[in-house]
Each structure stands twice: as C-alpha cells, then as structure tokens.
C-alpha cells in the first residue's frame, strides 16, 4: 500500500503506521453524542453512537450484513454459545441470571449477575464493532484503485473510539470483580481477554493492509502469503478468546 497507512488503537490495541497522526486513540465527550453522517464511500452511512456505544448496522448497496462473511460471525456464535448454553426461547439476560452464582456474596447476587451480564454484552458490542470495521473496509477496497482514504480514516477513528469505550468499561468491571466481589479469578480472566483483544485488533489492522496489497499487486505470491498468515493468526486469537470466555463462564457459575 503506497503512501497510505493508518493507526488503529486504544486500550485494547495499537498499530502504529505513518501518515495518520490524527487517528491516535482518544475518547472525547463528543463521542457520546449521536452522530450520523453519510459518506462518499459506497453510500455507507456511519452508525449512530450513544453513551453506551450502541452501534447500528450500516446499510450500503455495495456491502450488506448478508455479504459480510468474515470471522466476526463465527466469533459472535461462539460468544452467544458461551453466554447462553442451551437457552432457546428465553432472553439472554434471564439465562445468565439463572446461571451466575456469586456464592458468599449472596446479598449482592443481583448486582453480581448484572455485572456479568454487562461483561457479556460488552463482548457482543466488540463483535459488532469488528463487523462494522470489516464491512467498511470491504467498501473502501471497492473504491480502488483511487481509494477514498479520507473516508476510511474517519471509519478507523470511530472504530477506535468504540473500542476505547468498550475496553474502558471492561476494565472497570475487572476492577469491581476483584475489589467488591473478591473474585480475583474472574478478574484474571478479563485481564487475559484484554491482552488477546489487543492482539486481535492489531492483527485485524495488519490484515486489512495486507488485503489491499494483494489487490494492488495482482499475482504477487508474497502479498498473498502475508494475507493468509494474518488470517491464520486471527483465527488462533479468536480461538484463544473463546477459551478464556469459557473459563470465565465456568468460574462465574461456581460458588466461592
């Protein structure tokens, strides 16, 4: 990718490149306002964000959720299976509230359950953010060979803000589990998860660069091999994340 590079980062990961100092991770009050703009890149509409970092799906003639068949789908399925094993026809929060048992913190049981539910909800928000990231990047690639890089910088910026907000709240949950509920085991799982999320975000940004290099250099075996390597690394990282979530689920259901 000649002359075009970017930075994706935040509490959960940073990829330092060259040309986009404006994309350094930051969280400002403005990010909590409702934002809705229409880009010039494939007719994509940016998502609305509120103070809970709720993202709505983007709609584009070029990229639709049905066409986005990336790794976010399998990861979301794994997450839902972790949070909702064997639950059909019931609300996710109801299933979780039945399974989470804080043990000796019986009087804080409801609050503990709510905290664990919020943790799972934040992980789902991460999956949705990756979905938007992937869809936006696919639309960006379709603007080649004269890429709409300015719009893509905006996409990266908003995704960075989303991950910052999610990661900040996850860290707060980690602290509360350790200090208020005396659950260092759950806190440790979250710490490991944060490290893997950082790794995944860095790999995702590198994979996107590799995908563009493949398009810009047709038939280049080195570019193709690099892309495949990043894909495999992301798959392994997602598997590690799934194992951590399984451990968290198991320990959160065991009375202390």
Protein backbone atom coordinates (compact mmCIF):
# COMPACT_ATOMS: atom_id res chain seq x y z
CA UNK A 1 0.00 0.00 0.00
CA UNK A 2 1.92 3.01 -1.21
CA UNK A 3 1.76 6.20 0.84
CA UNK A 4 -1.33 5.12 2.76
CA UNK A 5 -1.25 3.77 6.28
CA UNK A 6 -3.18 4.29 9.46
CA UNK A 7 -3.30 3.73 13.18
CA UNK A 8 -5.89 1.67 15.00
CA UNK A 9 -5.62 1.63 18.70
CA UNK A 10 -6.82 2.28 22.16
CA UNK A 11 -6.87 0.48 25.46
CA UNK A 12 -7.26 -2.79 23.62
CA UNK A 13 -4.59 -2.41 20.95
CA UNK A 14 -2.46 -0.15 18.81
CA UNK A 15 -1.00 -0.47 15.33
CA UNK A 16 1.40 2.36 14.61
CA UNK A 17 1.76 3.40 10.98
CA UNK A 18 2.89 6.58 9.27
CA UNK A 19 0.52 9.09 7.79
CA UNK A 20 -2.37 9.45 10.21
CA UNK A 21 -1.31 11.16 13.46
CA UNK A 22 -4.89 12.39 13.82
CA UNK A 23 -6.00 8.82 14.49
CA UNK A 24 -4.20 8.43 17.80
CA UNK A 25 -6.61 6.82 20.29
CA UNK A 26 -8.62 9.23 22.35
CA UNK A 27 -12.02 9.43 23.93
CA UNK A 28 -13.76 12.81 23.96
CA UNK A 29 -17.17 13.84 25.29
CA UNK A 30 -18.28 14.37 21.72
CA UNK A 31 -18.21 10.62 21.11
CA UNK A 32 -21.26 10.22 23.32
CA UNK A 33 -23.38 12.49 21.15
CA UNK A 34 -25.50 10.94 18.47
CA UNK A 35 -23.52 11.04 15.26
CA UNK A 36 -24.96 10.33 11.85
CA UNK A 37 -23.31 11.24 8.58
CA UNK A 38 -23.33 9.96 5.05
CA UNK A 39 -20.01 9.21 3.43
CA UNK A 40 -18.87 9.36 -0.13
CA UNK A 41 -17.55 5.84 0.03
CA UNK A 42 -20.05 3.41 -1.42
CA UNK A 43 -23.02 5.21 0.11
CA UNK A 44 -22.19 3.89 3.56
CA UNK A 45 -23.97 5.52 6.45
CA UNK A 46 -21.99 5.80 9.65
CA UNK A 47 -23.53 4.24 12.74
CA UNK A 48 -25.22 6.13 15.49
CA UNK A 49 -23.39 6.07 18.81
CA UNK A 50 -24.82 6.81 22.22
CA UNK A 51 -23.22 6.84 25.64
CA UNK A 52 -23.39 3.03 25.80
CA UNK A 53 -21.54 2.69 22.48
CA UNK A 54 -24.54 1.04 20.78
CA UNK A 55 -23.81 0.70 17.09
CA UNK A 56 -26.41 0.29 14.38
CA UNK A 57 -25.66 -1.67 11.22
CA UNK A 58 -24.56 0.31 8.22
CA UNK A 59 -26.53 -0.03 5.01
CA UNK A 60 -24.82 0.10 1.65
CA UNK A 61 -25.57 -1.08 -1.83
CA UNK A 62 -22.03 -2.40 -2.00
CA UNK A 63 -21.77 -4.03 1.42
CA UNK A 64 -24.63 -5.51 3.42
CA UNK A 65 -24.59 -7.66 6.57
CA UNK A 66 -25.58 -10.65 4.45
CA UNK A 67 -22.47 -10.18 2.34
CA UNK A 68 -20.12 -9.76 5.28
CA UNK A 69 -18.98 -13.31 5.87
CA UNK A 70 -15.86 -12.62 7.93
CA UNK A 71 -14.57 -14.04 11.15
CA UNK A 72 -16.88 -11.85 13.25
CA UNK A 73 -19.75 -14.24 12.51
CA UNK A 74 -18.11 -17.32 13.97
CA UNK A 75 -16.82 -15.32 16.91
CA UNK A 76 -20.30 -13.98 17.67
CA UNK A 77 -21.70 -17.50 17.53
CA UNK A 78 -19.04 -18.65 19.98
CA UNK A 79 -19.79 -15.75 22.29
CA UNK A 80 -23.53 -16.37 22.26
CA UNK A 81 -22.96 -20.08 22.93
CA UNK A 82 -20.72 -19.17 25.87
CA UNK A 83 -23.19 -16.74 27.36
CA UNK A 84 -26.33 -18.74 26.53
CA UNK A 85 -25.69 -22.50 26.51
CA UNK A 86 -28.78 -24.47 25.60
CA UNK A 87 -31.10 -21.50 26.00
CA UNK A 88 -33.89 -21.37 23.45
CA UNK A 89 -36.83 -19.03 23.52
CA UNK A 90 -35.57 -17.12 26.57
CA UNK A 91 -33.99 -13.73 26.98
CA UNK A 92 -30.19 -13.82 27.26
CA UNK A 93 -30.22 -11.83 30.48
CA UNK A 94 -32.67 -14.32 32.03
CA UNK A 95 -30.44 -17.26 31.12
CA UNK A 96 -27.36 -15.60 32.57
CA UNK A 97 -29.11 -14.51 35.75
CA UNK A 98 -30.10 -18.12 36.39
CA UNK A 99 -26.56 -19.43 35.98
CA UNK A 100 -24.43 -16.85 37.79
CA UNK A 101 -23.95 -17.61 41.46
CA UNK A 102 -21.74 -15.25 43.48
CA UNK A 103 -21.59 -17.63 46.43
CA UNK A 104 -20.73 -15.90 49.68
CA UNK A 105 -21.82 -12.58 48.22
CA UNK A 106 -25.42 -13.76 48.35
CA UNK A 107 -26.77 -10.37 49.34
CA UNK A 108 -25.09 -8.89 46.26
CA UNK A 109 -26.24 -11.67 43.98
CA UNK A 110 -28.38 -9.47 41.75
CA UNK A 111 -25.62 -6.92 41.32
CA UNK A 112 -23.08 -9.63 40.58
CA UNK A 113 -25.32 -11.14 37.93
CA UNK A 114 -25.90 -7.74 36.38
CA UNK A 115 -22.16 -7.13 36.22
CA UNK A 116 -21.51 -10.44 34.47
CA UNK A 117 -24.34 -9.80 32.03
CA UNK A 118 -22.85 -6.42 31.23
CA UNK A 119 -19.48 -8.04 30.57
CA UNK A 120 -21.03 -10.40 28.03
CA UNK A 121 -22.93 -7.50 26.45
CA UNK A 122 -19.68 -5.58 26.01
CA UNK A 123 -18.12 -8.55 24.28
CA UNK A 124 -21.06 -8.61 21.88
CA UNK A 125 -20.52 -4.91 21.21
CA UNK A 126 -16.91 -5.69 20.34
CA UNK A 127 -18.08 -8.28 17.83
CA UNK A 128 -20.46 -5.75 16.28
CA UNK A 129 -17.68 -3.17 16.07
CA UNK A 130 -15.50 -5.68 14.21
CA UNK A 131 -18.41 -6.35 11.88
CA UNK A 132 -18.67 -2.65 11.03
CA UNK A 133 -14.90 -2.45 10.64
CA UNK A 134 -14.92 -5.33 8.16
CA UNK A 135 -17.89 -4.03 6.19
CA UNK A 136 -16.38 -0.55 5.98
CA UNK A 137 -13.05 -1.90 4.82
CA UNK A 138 -14.68 -4.01 2.12
CA UNK A 139 -16.46 -0.90 0.85
CA UNK A 140 -13.18 1.02 0.96
CA UNK A 141 -11.43 -1.60 -1.15
CA UNK A 142 -14.15 -1.24 -3.79
CA UNK A 143 -13.19 2.41 -4.27
CA UNK A 144 -9.79 1.37 -5.70
CA UNK A 145 -7.52 1.93 -7.41
CA UNK A 146 -8.06 5.56 -6.32
CA UNK A 147 -9.03 4.76 -2.77
CA UNK A 148 -11.25 7.02 -0.68
CA UNK A 149 -8.69 7.10 2.10
CA UNK A 150 -10.07 10.20 3.82
CA UNK A 151 -13.35 8.44 4.49
CA UNK A 152 -11.55 5.33 5.66
CA UNK A 153 -9.57 7.41 8.16
CA UNK A 154 -12.90 8.53 9.62
CA UNK A 155 -14.05 4.93 9.87
CA UNK A 156 -10.87 3.94 11.71
CA UNK A 157 -11.29 6.90 14.04
CA UNK A 158 -14.85 5.96 15.02
CA UNK A 159 -13.96 2.29 15.43
CA UNK A 160 -11.08 3.33 17.67
CA UNK A 161 -13.44 5.36 19.84
CA UNK A 162 -15.79 2.38 20.07
CA UNK A 163 -13.05 0.01 21.20
CA UNK A 164 -11.76 2.59 23.68
CA UNK A 165 -15.18 2.93 25.28
CA UNK A 166 -15.76 -0.81 25.44
CA UNK A 167 -12.31 -1.54 26.83
CA UNK A 168 -12.61 1.18 29.47
CA UNK A 169 -15.84 -0.31 30.81
CA UNK A 170 -14.45 -3.87 30.73
CA UNK A 171 -11.51 -2.71 32.85
CA UNK A 172 -13.94 -1.16 35.33
CA UNK A 173 -15.79 -4.48 35.57
CA UNK A 174 -12.49 -6.27 36.12
CA UNK A 175 -11.68 -3.93 39.00
CA UNK A 176 -15.10 -4.33 40.62
CA UNK A 177 -14.99 -8.10 40.41
CA UNK A 178 -11.66 -8.10 42.20
CA UNK A 179 -12.30 -5.42 44.83
CA UNK A 180 -16.05 -5.55 45.52
CA UNK A 181 -16.75 -9.24 44.99
CA UNK A 182 -13.37 -10.72 45.92
CA UNK A 183 -13.16 -12.63 42.64
CA UNK A 184 -9.53 -12.33 41.51
CA UNK A 185 -10.06 -15.42 39.36
CA UNK A 186 -12.63 -13.64 37.19
CA UNK A 187 -10.51 -10.51 37.15
CA UNK A 188 -7.58 -12.55 35.86
CA UNK A 189 -9.68 -13.99 33.04
CA UNK A 190 -10.65 -10.48 31.96
CA UNK A 191 -7.03 -9.35 32.04
CA UNK A 192 -6.07 -12.22 29.73
CA UNK A 193 -9.01 -11.42 27.48
CA UNK A 194 -7.92 -7.79 27.19
CA UNK A 195 -4.47 -8.88 26.09
CA UNK A 196 -5.94 -11.11 23.39
CA UNK A 197 -8.33 -8.38 22.26
CA UNK A 198 -5.37 -6.06 21.85
CA UNK A 199 -3.61 -8.70 19.76
CA UNK A 200 -6.70 -9.28 17.63
CA UNK A 201 -7.17 -5.58 16.88
CA UNK A 202 -3.56 -5.19 15.82
CA UNK A 203 -3.79 -8.25 13.57
CA UNK A 204 -7.05 -7.01 12.06
CA UNK A 205 -5.48 -3.71 11.02
CA UNK A 206 -2.48 -5.54 9.55
CA UNK A 207 -4.75 -7.94 7.68
CA UNK A 208 -6.60 -5.04 6.11
CA UNK A 209 -3.33 -3.57 4.87
CA UNK A 210 -2.39 -6.99 3.51
CA UNK A 211 -5.70 -7.31 1.65
CA UNK A 212 -5.12 -4.03 -0.11
CA UNK A 213 -1.59 -5.03 -1.02
CA UNK A 214 -3.00 -8.16 -2.68
CA UNK A 215 -5.35 -6.03 -4.78
CA UNK A 216 -2.63 -3.54 -5.66
CA UNK A 217 -0.16 -6.27 -6.61
CA UNK A 218 -2.07 -8.96 -8.54
CA UNK A 219 -0.32 -12.32 -8.57
CA UNK A 220 2.31 -11.33 -6.01
CA UNK A 221 2.88 -14.52 -4.02
CA UNK A 222 4.48 -12.72 -1.09
CA UNK A 223 1.43 -10.48 -0.65
CA UNK A 224 -0.91 -13.46 -0.85
CA UNK A 225 1.14 -15.43 1.67
CA UNK A 226 1.24 -12.48 4.08
CA UNK A 227 -2.54 -12.13 3.91
CA UNK A 228 -3.03 -15.83 4.66
CA UNK A 229 -0.63 -15.66 7.60
CA UNK A 230 -2.58 -12.83 9.21
CA UNK A 231 -5.85 -14.70 8.65
CA UNK A 232 -4.48 -17.76 10.42
CA UNK A 233 -3.17 -15.69 13.31
CA UNK A 234 -6.57 -14.06 13.77
CA UNK A 235 -8.29 -17.45 13.79
CA UNK A 236 -5.93 -18.66 16.53
CA UNK A 237 -6.51 -15.49 18.52
CA UNK A 238 -10.29 -15.90 18.28
CA UNK A 239 -9.95 -19.49 19.49
CA UNK A 240 -7.92 -18.28 22.47
CA UNK A 241 -10.57 -15.66 23.24
CA UNK A 242 -13.25 -18.34 23.16
CA UNK A 243 -11.30 -20.47 25.66
CA UNK A 244 -10.92 -17.51 28.02
CA UNK A 245 -14.65 -16.81 27.86
CA UNK A 246 -15.39 -20.46 28.60
CA UNK A 247 -13.14 -20.30 31.66
CA UNK A 248 -14.83 -17.10 32.78
CA UNK A 249 -18.26 -18.68 32.38
CA UNK A 250 -17.28 -21.80 34.32
CA UNK A 251 -15.73 -19.87 37.21
CA UNK A 252 -18.53 -17.29 37.38
CA UNK A 253 -21.05 -20.10 37.86
CA UNK A 254 -19.07 -21.78 40.63
CA UNK A 255 -19.88 -20.59 44.17
CA UNK A 256 -16.92 -19.22 46.08
